[in-house]
């Protein structure tokens, strides 16, 4: 889950843990070139692996810093048919757009504090007439695809035994928010690519917003499942509505746009656990397409199965 836009404050316009495809091309044709920025991260590698399952549909390119092109992960992807291109995303727009010549769609999976690099990527993609997928809804380009993701991996608290800890604990939603009875959607990050590969190639999603997810449950239900599968009792730390909204109010008293993880996570918790806006029903109300309805054949990992797997591997 890339939180770079979600953590911008105080003019935070958070709409959830959202990914958007700003696509100003007519459609991704068979054999089209898809470039992924941040390809070696959890999200990027999930997407690359999904795209590589259908080489007849996609030619896959990984965008990398020049200093990282020899990373073992990229060498492995290259052996599997991925073209690796070196580019400095904090460089000139002209240089970036030059690397994107003949690319059809760019998918941004950049890290937390890469806001300016993402802005450069958007501008360069627009200059090169290339669609770009990224988190948030800050930029208006003609055709948009958007889908909602909140990782299983960022939802579970640490177990007392130490068998499991959240992937990025400080940016996780591991507390009970409010009374813990507000439902929201969850997705295994390894399933993300399966949705992305279908959405970017689907004519029906052009100029549409798409809501994709694995499970819908409350925080209390998630903790109940964790305790049942692990056999351990988990301390349920609570963040109240007043605490969440207090952090947001303090963050909005400043001026300008700064990266503020604390405020960004409060915005996320407010949307998920207080306002309850991360649900298929609310997405339908806003006009989103439902990826589960569009692609009923796409398999996803159930929350309980995911916990069972990590219990076996830890």
Foldseek 3Di string as FASTA:
>chain_A
DACQLLQKDDVRPDPAFKKKKQAQDQAQFAAAEEEEEPLPDLLNVLQLVLLLVCNRRYQYEYEAAPVCCPPPVNVVSVVSRYHYDHDDLPDDLVRLLVVCARHAEYEYPDHHNCVSSVVSNVSSCVVNNHIYMGTDDPDDHPKMEMEHEDELLQADDAFPVRLDHRPDPLLGNPAQEAPQFQKAFHAHSSLNNVLVVVQRRDSVRINAYEYEGDDIGTSVVLQVLLCVLLVGHDDHHYDYPCNLVVLSVVRHVDDDIDRHSSNSSSVNSCCVNPVSCRDPVNCVVVGHHYSCVVCVPRDGDDSNVVSNVSSVVD
